[in-house]
Amino acid sequence: MMPGMLKARGRVIEVRDGTAELRLTTTSSCHGCRAQAVCGSGREQSVRIAAPADLAVGDVVSLQLGEAQFSLAVAIGYLLPALTLLLGAILLSFAGDAAAVVGAAIGLAIGILLVRLLARRRLADQLQPVTTCLANSLPGENP
């Protein structure tokens, strides 16, 4: 694994229309962490990825995503809607509190729409993890 990479392992549970659904496994450190109730890493999670051509149900895969890509995704997903919410509230705040609330709601809706558009059109390829097929069993499983 290269430095600056986030890594997860999972098993393919479905392959359909060029996408694969994976059930990610938890790391051993998740079981002793106090924050697992709010983090979500202490539980099994399902994610969808673009499926390589040779991927089949039951395969174990490794996902790798660069920290820079992760930071970009977080900035777009969380900061963009927050900034458009604030901008909407500021732009309509001159007309009173009720108008500022409406402006904030409109700004949030615009921010969420921008996130969806950016994710689908511009950043879909850049923010995909690198998928590597591994053996047919995860550590600790019986083959």
N, C-alpha and C. Protein backbone atom coordinates (compact mmCIF):
# COMPACT_ATOMS: atom_id res chain seq x y z
N MET A 1 0.84 -1.18 0.00
CA MET A 1 0.00 0.00 0.00
C MET A 1 0.88 1.24 0.00
N MET A 2 0.57 2.18 -0.84
CA MET A 2 1.33 3.41 -0.93
C MET A 2 0.98 4.32 0.23
N PRO A 3 1.94 5.18 0.67
CA PRO A 3 1.59 6.13 1.72
C PRO A 3 0.55 7.11 1.20
N GLY A 4 -0.31 7.56 2.11
CA GLY A 4 -1.34 8.50 1.72
C GLY A 4 -2.55 7.84 1.07
N MET A 5 -2.69 6.54 1.28
CA MET A 5 -3.82 5.81 0.71
C MET A 5 -4.71 5.27 1.83
N LEU A 6 -6.02 5.37 1.62
CA LEU A 6 -6.99 4.75 2.52
C LEU A 6 -7.37 3.41 1.89
N LYS A 7 -7.49 2.38 2.72
CA LYS A 7 -7.69 1.04 2.20
C LYS A 7 -8.83 0.34 2.93
N ALA A 8 -9.61 -0.43 2.20
CA ALA A 8 -10.68 -1.24 2.78
C ALA A 8 -10.79 -2.53 1.99
N ARG A 9 -11.28 -3.58 2.64
CA ARG A 9 -11.51 -4.86 1.99
C ARG A 9 -12.98 -5.21 2.10
N GLY A 10 -13.46 -5.92 1.08
CA GLY A 10 -14.84 -6.34 1.12
C GLY A 10 -15.11 -7.48 0.17
N ARG A 11 -16.32 -8.01 0.26
CA ARG A 11 -16.75 -9.12 -0.58
C ARG A 11 -17.85 -8.62 -1.50
N VAL A 12 -17.78 -9.04 -2.76
CA VAL A 12 -18.79 -8.68 -3.75
C VAL A 12 -20.06 -9.47 -3.45
N ILE A 13 -21.19 -8.75 -3.27
CA ILE A 13 -22.45 -9.44 -3.01
C ILE A 13 -23.42 -9.32 -4.19
N GLU A 14 -23.13 -8.40 -5.14
CA GLU A 14 -23.99 -8.28 -6.32
C GLU A 14 -23.22 -7.54 -7.41
N VAL A 15 -23.40 -7.99 -8.65
CA VAL A 15 -22.84 -7.31 -9.82
C VAL A 15 -23.98 -7.11 -10.80
N ARG A 16 -24.23 -5.84 -11.18
CA ARG A 16 -25.33 -5.55 -12.09
C ARG A 16 -25.05 -4.26 -12.86
N ASP A 17 -25.23 -4.29 -14.16
CA ASP A 17 -25.15 -3.10 -15.02
C ASP A 17 -23.86 -2.31 -14.83
N GLY A 18 -22.74 -2.99 -14.73
CA GLY A 18 -21.46 -2.31 -14.62
C GLY A 18 -21.12 -1.79 -13.24
N THR A 19 -21.96 -2.08 -12.25
CA THR A 19 -21.66 -1.69 -10.87
C THR A 19 -21.65 -2.94 -9.99
N ALA A 20 -20.92 -2.85 -8.92
CA ALA A 20 -20.85 -3.95 -7.97
C ALA A 20 -21.18 -3.43 -6.58
N GLU A 21 -21.92 -4.21 -5.83
CA GLU A 21 -22.18 -3.87 -4.43
C GLU A 21 -21.26 -4.72 -3.57
N LEU A 22 -20.55 -4.05 -2.68
CA LEU A 22 -19.59 -4.72 -1.80
C LEU A 22 -20.06 -4.62 -0.36
N ARG A 23 -19.80 -5.65 0.41
CA ARG A 23 -19.98 -5.59 1.85
C ARG A 23 -18.59 -5.46 2.44
N LEU A 24 -18.32 -4.29 3.02
CA LEU A 24 -16.99 -4.02 3.57
C LEU A 24 -16.84 -4.64 4.95
N THR A 25 -15.65 -5.11 5.24
CA THR A 25 -15.36 -5.69 6.55
C THR A 25 -14.78 -4.61 7.45
N THR A 26 -14.95 -4.81 8.75
CA THR A 26 -14.39 -3.87 9.71
C THR A 26 -12.96 -4.27 10.04
N THR A 27 -12.17 -3.28 10.41
CA THR A 27 -10.80 -3.58 10.82
C THR A 27 -10.79 -4.00 12.28
N SER A 28 -9.73 -4.64 12.70
CA SER A 28 -9.64 -5.13 14.07
C SER A 28 -9.64 -3.98 15.07
N SER A 29 -9.13 -2.83 14.69
CA SER A 29 -9.09 -1.70 15.61
C SER A 29 -10.47 -1.12 15.86
N CYS A 30 -11.43 -1.38 14.97
CA CYS A 30 -12.78 -0.84 15.15
C CYS A 30 -13.48 -1.45 16.36
N HIS A 31 -13.17 -2.68 16.68
CA HIS A 31 -13.87 -3.36 17.76
C HIS A 31 -13.57 -2.76 19.13
N GLY A 32 -12.42 -2.14 19.31
CA GLY A 32 -12.07 -1.57 20.60
C GLY A 32 -12.23 -0.06 20.67
N CYS A 33 -12.71 0.56 19.60
CA CYS A 33 -12.81 2.02 19.54
C CYS A 33 -14.08 2.51 20.23
N ARG A 34 -13.97 3.58 20.98
CA ARG A 34 -15.13 4.15 21.67
C ARG A 34 -16.06 4.88 20.72
N ALA A 35 -15.56 5.32 19.59
CA ALA A 35 -16.37 6.13 18.67
C ALA A 35 -17.10 5.29 17.63
N GLN A 36 -17.05 3.97 17.71
CA GLN A 36 -17.64 3.15 16.66
C GLN A 36 -19.15 3.33 16.56
N ALA A 37 -19.83 3.73 17.63
CA ALA A 37 -21.28 3.92 17.58
C ALA A 37 -21.66 5.09 16.67
N VAL A 38 -20.83 6.10 16.59
CA VAL A 38 -21.13 7.26 15.75
C VAL A 38 -20.36 7.26 14.44
N CYS A 39 -19.30 6.50 14.36
CA CYS A 39 -18.45 6.49 13.18
C CYS A 39 -19.04 5.68 12.05
N GLY A 40 -19.60 4.55 12.34
CA GLY A 40 -20.10 3.67 11.30
C GLY A 40 -19.07 2.65 10.85
N SER A 41 -17.82 2.81 11.24
CA SER A 41 -16.78 1.87 10.82
C SER A 41 -16.84 0.59 11.62
N GLY A 42 -17.49 0.57 12.75
CA GLY A 42 -17.56 -0.63 13.56
C GLY A 42 -18.60 -1.62 13.06
N ARG A 43 -19.37 -1.24 12.05
CA ARG A 43 -20.40 -2.12 11.49
C ARG A 43 -20.05 -2.45 10.05
N GLU A 44 -20.65 -3.54 9.57
CA GLU A 44 -20.49 -3.84 8.15
C GLU A 44 -21.23 -2.79 7.34
N GLN A 45 -20.63 -2.41 6.22
CA GLN A 45 -21.23 -1.40 5.36
C GLN A 45 -21.31 -1.93 3.94
N SER A 46 -22.29 -1.48 3.19
CA SER A 46 -22.39 -1.82 1.78
C SER A 46 -22.10 -0.57 0.97
N VAL A 47 -21.31 -0.72 -0.09
CA VAL A 47 -21.00 0.38 -0.99
C VAL A 47 -21.14 -0.12 -2.42
N ARG A 48 -21.40 0.82 -3.33
CA ARG A 48 -21.46 0.52 -4.76
C ARG A 48 -20.26 1.15 -5.44
N ILE A 49 -19.64 0.38 -6.34
CA ILE A 49 -18.50 0.88 -7.10
C ILE A 49 -18.68 0.49 -8.56
N ALA A 50 -17.90 1.13 -9.43
CA ALA A 50 -17.85 0.71 -10.83
C ALA A 50 -17.13 -0.63 -10.87
N ALA A 51 -17.75 -1.61 -11.50
CA ALA A 51 -17.22 -2.98 -11.46
C ALA A 51 -16.26 -3.23 -12.61
N PRO A 52 -15.06 -3.73 -12.29
CA PRO A 52 -14.18 -4.21 -13.36
C PRO A 52 -14.84 -5.39 -14.08
N ALA A 53 -14.43 -5.66 -15.30
CA ALA A 53 -15.08 -6.69 -16.12
C ALA A 53 -14.99 -8.09 -15.52
N ASP A 54 -13.90 -8.41 -14.82
CA ASP A 54 -13.71 -9.78 -14.32
C ASP A 54 -14.24 -10.01 -12.90
N LEU A 55 -14.99 -9.08 -12.36
CA LEU A 55 -15.49 -9.19 -10.99
C LEU A 55 -16.73 -10.07 -10.95
N ALA A 56 -16.80 -10.97 -9.96
CA ALA A 56 -17.94 -11.87 -9.81
C ALA A 56 -18.40 -11.88 -8.36
N VAL A 57 -19.63 -12.30 -8.15
CA VAL A 57 -20.18 -12.41 -6.81
C VAL A 57 -19.33 -13.37 -6.00
N GLY A 58 -18.99 -12.98 -4.77
CA GLY A 58 -18.18 -13.80 -3.90
C GLY A 58 -16.71 -13.42 -3.89
N ASP A 59 -16.25 -12.66 -4.88
CA ASP A 59 -14.85 -12.24 -4.91
C ASP A 59 -14.56 -11.29 -3.76
N VAL A 60 -13.35 -11.38 -3.26
CA VAL A 60 -12.88 -10.46 -2.24
C VAL A 60 -12.03 -9.40 -2.94
N VAL A 61 -12.33 -8.14 -2.67
CA VAL A 61 -11.62 -7.05 -3.33
C VAL A 61 -11.02 -6.10 -2.31
N SER A 62 -9.98 -5.42 -2.74
CA SER A 62 -9.35 -4.37 -1.96
C SER A 62 -9.64 -3.05 -2.65
N LEU A 63 -10.09 -2.07 -1.89
CA LEU A 63 -10.34 -0.73 -2.41
C LEU A 63 -9.29 0.21 -1.86
N GLN A 64 -8.72 1.04 -2.72
CA GLN A 64 -7.73 2.03 -2.29
C GLN A 64 -8.14 3.39 -2.84
N LEU A 65 -8.11 4.40 -1.99
CA LEU A 65 -8.44 5.76 -2.37
C LEU A 65 -7.40 6.68 -1.76
N GLY A 66 -6.87 7.58 -2.56
CA GLY A 66 -5.87 8.52 -2.07
C GLY A 66 -6.46 9.50 -1.07
N GLU A 67 -5.65 9.91 -0.11
CA GLU A 67 -6.13 10.87 0.88
C GLU A 67 -6.53 12.19 0.25
N ALA A 68 -5.83 12.60 -0.80
CA ALA A 68 -6.19 13.84 -1.50
C ALA A 68 -7.56 13.72 -2.16
N GLN A 69 -7.83 12.57 -2.76
CA GLN A 69 -9.14 12.34 -3.37
C GLN A 69 -10.24 12.34 -2.30
N PHE A 70 -9.96 11.71 -1.17
CA PHE A 70 -10.91 11.68 -0.07
C PHE A 70 -11.19 13.08 0.44
N SER A 71 -10.15 13.88 0.61
CA SER A 71 -10.31 15.25 1.08
C SER A 71 -11.13 16.08 0.10
N LEU A 72 -10.89 15.89 -1.19
CA LEU A 72 -11.67 16.59 -2.21
C LEU A 72 -13.14 16.21 -2.13
N ALA A 73 -13.41 14.92 -1.97
CA ALA A 73 -14.80 14.46 -1.87
C ALA A 73 -15.49 15.03 -0.64
N VAL A 74 -14.78 15.08 0.47
CA VAL A 74 -15.34 15.64 1.70
C VAL A 74 -15.61 17.13 1.53
N ALA A 75 -14.67 17.85 0.93
CA ALA A 75 -14.85 19.29 0.71
C ALA A 75 -16.05 19.56 -0.17
N ILE A 76 -16.18 18.79 -1.23
CA ILE A 76 -17.32 19.00 -2.13
C ILE A 76 -18.63 18.59 -1.46
N GLY A 77 -18.63 17.45 -0.82
CA GLY A 77 -19.86 16.93 -0.23
C GLY A 77 -20.37 17.69 0.96
N TYR A 78 -19.48 18.25 1.77
CA TYR A 78 -19.91 18.93 2.99
C TYR A 78 -19.75 20.45 2.93
N LEU A 79 -18.62 20.91 2.43
CA LEU A 79 -18.36 22.34 2.46
C LEU A 79 -19.15 23.12 1.41
N LEU A 80 -19.30 22.57 0.22
CA LEU A 80 -20.03 23.29 -0.83
C LEU A 80 -21.48 23.59 -0.41
N PRO A 81 -22.26 22.62 0.10
CA PRO A 81 -23.61 22.96 0.55
C PRO A 81 -23.62 23.96 1.72
N ALA A 82 -22.65 23.83 2.62
CA ALA A 82 -22.59 24.77 3.74
C ALA A 82 -22.30 26.19 3.25
N LEU A 83 -21.40 26.31 2.30
CA LEU A 83 -21.08 27.64 1.76
C LEU A 83 -22.26 28.24 1.00
N THR A 84 -22.95 27.43 0.20
CA THR A 84 -24.10 27.97 -0.53
C THR A 84 -25.25 28.31 0.42
N LEU A 85 -25.40 27.56 1.51
CA LEU A 85 -26.40 27.90 2.53
C LEU A 85 -26.10 29.27 3.13
N LEU A 86 -24.86 29.48 3.53
CA LEU A 86 -24.47 30.77 4.10
C LEU A 86 -24.62 31.91 3.10
N LEU A 87 -24.22 31.66 1.86
CA LEU A 87 -24.33 32.68 0.83
C LEU A 87 -25.79 33.06 0.60
N GLY A 88 -26.67 32.07 0.53
CA GLY A 88 -28.09 32.35 0.37
C GLY A 88 -28.67 33.15 1.53
N ALA A 89 -28.26 32.80 2.75
CA ALA A 89 -28.74 33.53 3.93
C ALA A 89 -28.22 34.97 3.92
N ILE A 90 -26.96 35.16 3.55
CA ILE A 90 -26.38 36.51 3.53
C ILE A 90 -27.04 37.37 2.46
N LEU A 91 -27.27 36.79 1.28
CA LEU A 91 -27.84 37.56 0.18
C LEU A 91 -29.25 38.06 0.47
N LEU A 92 -30.02 37.29 1.21
CA LEU A 92 -31.39 37.70 1.51
C LEU A 92 -31.58 38.24 2.92
N SER A 93 -30.51 38.37 3.68
CA SER A 93 -30.64 38.85 5.06
C SER A 93 -31.06 40.31 5.14
N PHE A 94 -30.81 41.09 4.09
CA PHE A 94 -31.21 42.50 4.10
C PHE A 94 -32.72 42.67 4.16
N ALA A 95 -33.49 41.64 3.75
CA ALA A 95 -34.95 41.71 3.71
C ALA A 95 -35.59 41.17 4.99
N GLY A 96 -34.81 40.84 5.99
CA GLY A 96 -35.35 40.36 7.25
C GLY A 96 -34.97 38.91 7.54
N ASP A 97 -35.35 38.48 8.75
CA ASP A 97 -34.98 37.13 9.20
C ASP A 97 -35.68 36.04 8.39
N ALA A 98 -36.95 36.24 8.10
CA ALA A 98 -37.68 35.21 7.33
C ALA A 98 -37.07 35.04 5.94
N ALA A 99 -36.71 36.13 5.32
CA ALA A 99 -36.08 36.05 3.99
C ALA A 99 -34.72 35.37 4.09
N ALA A 100 -33.99 35.61 5.17
CA ALA A 100 -32.68 34.95 5.35
C ALA A 100 -32.85 33.45 5.48
N VAL A 101 -33.90 33.01 6.16
CA VAL A 101 -34.16 31.58 6.29
C VAL A 101 -34.50 30.99 4.93
N VAL A 102 -35.33 31.68 4.17
CA VAL A 102 -35.67 31.20 2.82
C VAL A 102 -34.42 31.17 1.95
N GLY A 103 -33.58 32.20 2.05
CA GLY A 103 -32.34 32.23 1.28
C GLY A 103 -31.41 31.09 1.66
N ALA A 104 -31.35 30.77 2.95
CA ALA A 104 -30.52 29.65 3.40
C ALA A 104 -31.04 28.34 2.83
N ALA A 105 -32.35 28.15 2.84
CA ALA A 105 -32.94 26.92 2.30
C ALA A 105 -32.67 26.80 0.80
N ILE A 106 -32.83 27.91 0.10
CA ILE A 106 -32.56 27.90 -1.34
C ILE A 106 -31.08 27.64 -1.60
N GLY A 107 -30.21 28.26 -0.83
CA GLY A 107 -28.77 28.05 -0.97
C GLY A 107 -28.38 26.61 -0.70
N LEU A 108 -28.99 26.00 0.31
CA LEU A 108 -28.70 24.59 0.61
C LEU A 108 -29.15 23.69 -0.54
N ALA A 109 -30.34 23.95 -1.07
CA ALA A 109 -30.84 23.15 -2.19
C ALA A 109 -29.92 23.30 -3.41
N ILE A 110 -29.47 24.50 -3.68
CA ILE A 110 -28.55 24.71 -4.80
C ILE A 110 -27.23 23.98 -4.54
N GLY A 111 -26.73 24.04 -3.30
CA GLY A 111 -25.49 23.34 -2.96
C GLY A 111 -25.59 21.85 -3.14
N ILE A 112 -26.70 21.26 -2.72
CA ILE A 112 -26.89 19.82 -2.88
C ILE A 112 -26.99 19.46 -4.35
N LEU A 113 -27.69 20.29 -5.14
CA LEU A 113 -27.78 20.05 -6.57
C LEU A 113 -26.40 20.13 -7.23
N LEU A 114 -25.60 21.11 -6.83
CA LEU A 114 -24.24 21.23 -7.38
C LEU A 114 -23.38 20.02 -7.04
N VAL A 115 -23.51 19.52 -5.82
CA VAL A 115 -22.76 18.33 -5.41
C VAL A 115 -23.13 17.15 -6.29
N ARG A 116 -24.42 16.96 -6.51
CA ARG A 116 -24.86 15.84 -7.36
C ARG A 116 -24.36 15.98 -8.79
N LEU A 117 -24.43 17.19 -9.33
CA LEU A 117 -23.95 17.42 -10.69
C LEU A 117 -22.45 17.21 -10.80
N LEU A 118 -21.70 17.74 -9.85
CA LEU A 118 -20.25 17.57 -9.88
C LEU A 118 -19.86 16.10 -9.73
N ALA A 119 -20.53 15.41 -8.85
CA ALA A 119 -20.20 14.01 -8.60
C ALA A 119 -20.48 13.15 -9.83
N ARG A 120 -21.57 13.43 -10.51
CA ARG A 120 -21.94 12.60 -11.66
C ARG A 120 -21.16 12.94 -12.92
N ARG A 121 -20.92 14.21 -13.16
CA ARG A 121 -20.36 14.61 -14.45
C ARG A 121 -18.86 14.82 -14.42
N ARG A 122 -18.38 15.54 -13.45
CA ARG A 122 -16.98 15.96 -13.46
C ARG A 122 -16.06 15.06 -12.65
N LEU A 123 -16.53 14.60 -11.51
CA LEU A 123 -15.63 13.96 -10.56
C LEU A 123 -15.84 12.46 -10.40
N ALA A 124 -16.78 11.89 -11.13
CA ALA A 124 -17.09 10.48 -10.93
C ALA A 124 -15.86 9.59 -11.14
N ASP A 125 -15.06 9.86 -12.14
CA ASP A 125 -13.89 9.03 -12.40
C ASP A 125 -12.76 9.32 -11.43
N GLN A 126 -12.59 10.58 -11.05
CA GLN A 126 -11.49 10.96 -10.17
C GLN A 126 -11.67 10.45 -8.75
N LEU A 127 -12.91 10.29 -8.30
CA LEU A 127 -13.16 9.91 -6.91
C LEU A 127 -13.48 8.43 -6.73
N GLN A 128 -13.28 7.63 -7.78
CA GLN A 128 -13.49 6.19 -7.67
C GLN A 128 -12.26 5.54 -7.04
N PRO A 129 -12.47 4.62 -6.11
CA PRO A 129 -11.32 3.90 -5.55
C PRO A 129 -10.75 2.93 -6.57
N VAL A 130 -9.48 2.60 -6.40
CA VAL A 130 -8.83 1.59 -7.22
C VAL A 130 -9.24 0.23 -6.67
N THR A 131 -9.76 -0.63 -7.52
CA THR A 131 -10.26 -1.94 -7.09
C THR A 131 -9.30 -3.03 -7.53
N THR A 132 -8.91 -3.88 -6.57
CA THR A 132 -8.02 -5.01 -6.85
C THR A 132 -8.67 -6.28 -6.33
N CYS A 133 -8.81 -7.28 -7.19
CA CYS A 133 -9.39 -8.55 -6.78
C CYS A 133 -8.34 -9.36 -6.03
N LEU A 134 -8.73 -9.92 -4.88
CA LEU A 134 -7.83 -10.71 -4.03
C LEU A 134 -8.27 -12.16 -4.05
N ALA A 135 -7.90 -12.91 -3.04
CA ALA A 135 -8.30 -14.31 -2.91
C ALA A 135 -9.79 -14.42 -2.67
N ASN A 136 -10.30 -15.63 -2.59
CA ASN A 136 -11.73 -15.83 -2.42
C ASN A 136 -12.17 -15.83 -0.95
N SER A 137 -11.29 -15.59 -0.01
CA SER A 137 -11.71 -15.53 1.38
C SER A 137 -11.00 -14.40 2.09
N LEU A 138 -11.68 -13.84 3.06
CA LEU A 138 -11.12 -12.79 3.89
C LEU A 138 -10.37 -13.42 5.05
N PRO A 139 -9.41 -12.67 5.66
CA PRO A 139 -8.72 -13.21 6.82
C PRO A 139 -9.72 -13.58 7.91
N GLY A 140 -9.55 -14.75 8.51
CA GLY A 140 -10.43 -15.20 9.57
C GLY A 140 -11.63 -15.97 9.08
N GLU A 141 -11.83 -16.08 7.77
CA GLU A 141 -12.94 -16.84 7.22
C GLU A 141 -12.47 -18.23 6.81
N ASN A 142 -13.39 -19.17 6.82
CA ASN A 142 -13.08 -20.49 6.29
C ASN A 142 -13.35 -20.48 4.80
N PRO A 143 -12.40 -20.94 3.98
CA PRO A 143 -12.62 -20.92 2.52
C PRO A 143 -13.70 -21.86 2.08
